[in-house]
């Protein structure tokens, strides 16, 4: 029993067009994510801002709910909080909508690290990956207090909860290219993703 949470509310600061609707290899990234995670979760929430509800409405149904951020304008941390508060599951997996190479087995592995903790998050040589991580729903209260204090850094609430850090080397066992954590934040990232997509998206 777990819920998948796709964060689709972020601003497209460095990317032309709407980030939530970007395509890689001729397919929307969200479509790719829903295919990869099909049947994995009890339900999937796509969390977007008010301006994206109409465009995201095509995904409603088949175990997918499109929901508006309850906490708007607070960046990814607000999206995580919104997803956790709207989730019907204690266990949740959060992913950003700009990650075209998510890996089903890696997601399962991260979720398997969650029991006994409140967060299970990959730790890579570049740092933590909080937008490809598992969260217990009881993190919501701590996140809410942090947002109330004006602090929007996603990982700062980790000091107040039990965190399992998933080793990067373990995740590479599911995809040795390391592309499973690639997120698209710039035109350069898009060019890189397009090249990697030539090897297949799933």
Protein backbone atom coordinates (compact mmCIF):
# COMPACT_ATOMS: atom_id res chain seq x y z
CA UNK A 1 0.00 0.00 0.00
CA UNK A 2 1.83 3.08 -1.24
CA UNK A 3 1.09 6.24 -3.20
CA UNK A 4 3.19 7.69 -5.98
CA UNK A 5 3.45 11.49 -6.00
CA UNK A 6 4.55 13.30 -9.16
CA UNK A 7 5.42 16.94 -8.55
CA UNK A 8 4.27 19.01 -11.53
CA UNK A 9 4.03 22.44 -9.97
CA UNK A 10 7.54 23.75 -10.46
CA UNK A 11 8.34 26.88 -12.43
CA UNK A 12 10.07 26.58 -15.82
CA UNK A 13 12.69 29.20 -15.03
CA UNK A 14 15.43 27.99 -17.38
CA UNK A 15 13.29 25.97 -19.79
CA UNK A 16 11.07 27.25 -22.60
CA UNK A 17 7.44 26.22 -22.29
CA UNK A 18 5.74 24.40 -19.44
CA UNK A 19 8.07 22.07 -17.58
CA UNK A 20 5.18 19.80 -16.60
CA UNK A 21 4.49 19.06 -20.27
CA UNK A 22 8.03 18.62 -21.59
CA UNK A 23 8.78 15.76 -23.96
CA UNK A 24 11.77 13.47 -24.37
CA UNK A 25 11.98 11.08 -27.29
CA UNK A 26 8.62 12.34 -28.54
CA UNK A 27 6.76 11.50 -25.32
CA UNK A 28 5.77 13.55 -22.32
CA UNK A 29 7.93 12.77 -19.34
CA UNK A 30 4.84 12.29 -17.17
CA UNK A 31 3.54 9.68 -19.64
CA UNK A 32 6.85 7.85 -19.37
CA UNK A 33 6.72 7.95 -15.57
CA UNK A 34 3.17 6.62 -15.45
CA UNK A 35 4.12 3.77 -17.76
CA UNK A 36 7.20 2.84 -15.72
CA UNK A 37 5.27 2.88 -12.42
CA UNK A 38 2.06 1.31 -13.76
CA UNK A 39 0.60 -1.05 -11.16
CA UNK A 40 3.30 -0.22 -8.63
CA UNK A 41 1.25 2.12 -6.44
CA UNK A 42 -2.22 1.98 -4.94
CA UNK A 43 -2.75 5.35 -6.59
CA UNK A 44 -0.67 8.09 -8.15
CA UNK A 45 -1.13 11.78 -7.40
CA UNK A 46 -0.02 14.39 -9.90
CA UNK A 47 0.39 17.58 -7.88
CA UNK A 48 0.23 20.77 -9.92
CA UNK A 49 -0.47 24.45 -9.47
CA UNK A 50 -3.79 26.06 -10.33
CA UNK A 51 -2.64 27.15 -13.78
CA UNK A 52 -1.83 23.60 -14.85
CA UNK A 53 -4.99 21.81 -13.75
CA UNK A 54 -6.61 21.94 -17.18
CA UNK A 55 -3.54 20.66 -19.00
CA UNK A 56 -2.98 17.89 -16.45
CA UNK A 57 -6.63 16.80 -16.42
CA UNK A 58 -5.96 14.31 -19.25
CA UNK A 59 -4.28 12.05 -16.70
CA UNK A 60 -7.29 11.65 -14.42
CA UNK A 61 -8.59 8.13 -14.03
CA UNK A 62 -7.08 4.67 -13.93
CA UNK A 63 -5.69 5.10 -10.44
CA UNK A 64 -4.35 8.60 -11.13
CA UNK A 65 -5.59 11.70 -9.33
CA UNK A 66 -4.67 15.19 -10.48
CA UNK A 67 -4.68 17.49 -7.47
CA UNK A 68 -3.95 21.16 -6.95
CA UNK A 69 -1.24 22.17 -4.53
CA UNK A 70 -2.71 22.95 -1.13
CA UNK A 71 0.44 24.89 -0.33
CA UNK A 72 1.19 27.00 -3.40
CA UNK A 73 4.24 29.12 -4.15
CA UNK A 74 6.46 27.17 -1.75
CA UNK A 75 8.56 25.28 -4.27
CA UNK A 76 9.15 21.52 -4.18
CA UNK A 77 8.78 21.41 -0.41
CA UNK A 78 5.24 22.75 -0.73
CA UNK A 79 4.55 20.14 -3.39
CA UNK A 80 5.78 17.34 -1.14
CA UNK A 81 3.63 18.61 1.72
CA UNK A 82 0.58 18.89 -0.54
CA UNK A 83 1.09 15.35 -1.82
CA UNK A 84 1.54 13.87 1.64
CA UNK A 85 -1.52 15.65 2.99
CA UNK A 86 -3.65 14.44 0.07
CA UNK A 87 -2.26 10.91 0.03
CA UNK A 88 -4.30 7.99 1.29
CA UNK A 89 -1.18 5.96 2.12
CA UNK A 90 1.31 6.00 4.95
CA UNK A 91 4.14 5.20 2.52
CA UNK A 92 4.74 7.47 -0.47
CA UNK A 93 7.24 7.85 -3.27
CA UNK A 94 7.91 11.37 -4.54
CA UNK A 95 9.36 12.12 -7.96
CA UNK A 96 9.79 15.32 -9.96
CA UNK A 97 7.97 15.53 -13.30
CA UNK A 98 11.23 16.28 -15.14
CA UNK A 99 12.89 12.88 -14.64
CA UNK A 100 12.47 10.81 -17.83
CA UNK A 101 14.64 7.85 -16.85
CA UNK A 102 13.12 6.73 -13.57
CA UNK A 103 13.69 3.05 -12.86
CA UNK A 104 10.95 0.83 -11.48
CA UNK A 105 13.29 -1.57 -9.66
CA UNK A 106 15.19 1.32 -8.10
CA UNK A 107 11.93 2.81 -6.82
CA UNK A 108 10.98 -0.53 -5.28
CA UNK A 109 14.41 -0.76 -3.66
CA UNK A 110 14.16 2.73 -2.17
CA UNK A 111 10.69 1.90 -0.83
CA UNK A 112 12.07 -1.29 0.71
CA UNK A 113 14.49 0.89 2.69
CA UNK A 114 11.67 2.95 4.22
CA UNK A 115 10.39 0.63 7.01
CA UNK A 116 11.68 1.88 10.35
CA UNK A 117 12.37 5.34 8.93
CA UNK A 118 10.37 8.37 7.82
CA UNK A 119 12.47 9.15 4.73
CA UNK A 120 14.52 6.96 2.39
CA UNK A 121 16.59 9.13 0.07
CA UNK A 122 19.41 8.44 -2.40
CA UNK A 123 22.78 9.91 -1.57
CA UNK A 124 24.96 10.49 -4.63
CA UNK A 125 28.43 12.03 -5.03
CA UNK A 126 26.62 15.29 -5.88
CA UNK A 127 24.38 15.19 -2.80
CA UNK A 128 20.92 14.04 -1.80
CA UNK A 129 18.03 13.43 -4.22
CA UNK A 130 14.93 14.43 -2.22
CA UNK A 131 12.73 14.48 -5.33
CA UNK A 132 13.30 10.78 -5.99
CA UNK A 133 12.71 9.53 -2.49
CA UNK A 134 10.26 7.76 -0.20
CA UNK A 135 8.41 9.55 2.59
CA UNK A 136 6.11 8.52 5.40
CA UNK A 137 3.00 10.62 5.61
CA UNK A 138 3.85 11.67 9.18
CA UNK A 139 6.60 13.91 7.75
CA UNK A 140 3.84 16.37 6.86
CA UNK A 141 3.70 18.00 10.30
CA UNK A 142 7.44 18.64 10.38
CA UNK A 143 7.41 19.98 6.81
CA UNK A 144 4.49 22.25 7.63
CA UNK A 145 6.34 23.78 10.56
CA UNK A 146 9.44 24.35 8.43
CA UNK A 147 7.44 26.08 5.70
CA UNK A 148 5.74 28.18 8.36
CA UNK A 149 9.16 29.38 9.47
CA UNK A 150 9.94 30.54 5.93
CA UNK A 151 12.55 27.85 5.21
CA UNK A 152 11.87 26.13 1.86
CA UNK A 153 15.03 24.02 1.55
CA UNK A 154 13.71 20.52 1.00
CA UNK A 155 16.29 18.61 3.02
CA UNK A 156 16.41 20.84 6.09
CA UNK A 157 13.59 18.97 7.83
CA UNK A 158 15.63 15.76 7.62
CA UNK A 159 17.32 16.71 10.88
CA UNK A 160 13.97 16.25 12.64
CA UNK A 161 12.96 12.87 11.22
CA UNK A 162 14.46 9.40 10.84
CA UNK A 163 16.28 9.19 7.51
CA UNK A 164 17.72 6.20 5.67
CA UNK A 165 20.36 7.25 3.16
CA UNK A 166 20.37 4.93 0.16
CA UNK A 167 23.83 4.45 -1.30
CA UNK A 168 24.39 5.55 -4.89
CA UNK A 169 26.39 2.42 -5.59
CA UNK A 170 23.33 0.31 -4.80
CA UNK A 171 21.16 2.26 -7.23
CA UNK A 172 23.74 1.90 -9.99
CA UNK A 173 23.01 -1.81 -9.81
CA UNK A 174 19.65 -1.04 -11.43
CA UNK A 175 21.00 1.30 -14.10
CA UNK A 176 24.76 1.47 -14.52
CA UNK A 177 24.47 4.60 -16.70
CA UNK A 178 23.34 6.61 -13.69
CA UNK A 179 20.72 8.33 -15.81
CA UNK A 180 17.86 7.26 -13.52
CA UNK A 181 18.32 10.43 -11.45
CA UNK A 182 18.72 12.83 -14.37
CA UNK A 183 16.34 15.76 -14.13
CA UNK A 184 15.87 18.38 -16.81
CA UNK A 185 16.44 21.94 -15.64
CA UNK A 186 18.01 23.55 -18.68
CA UNK A 187 18.21 23.25 -22.48
CA UNK A 188 21.57 21.54 -21.99
CA UNK A 189 19.90 18.91 -19.78
CA UNK A 190 17.28 18.43 -22.50
CA UNK A 191 19.96 17.83 -25.12
CA UNK A 192 21.63 15.31 -22.82
CA UNK A 193 18.33 13.54 -22.19
CA UNK A 194 17.56 13.39 -25.89
CA UNK A 195 20.89 11.69 -26.50
CA UNK A 196 20.36 9.20 -23.69
CA UNK A 197 16.83 8.46 -24.92
CA UNK A 198 18.31 6.93 -28.04
CA UNK A 199 19.17 3.97 -25.85
CA UNK A 200 15.54 3.52 -24.78
CA UNK A 201 13.41 5.24 -22.15
CA UNK A 202 12.50 2.29 -19.93
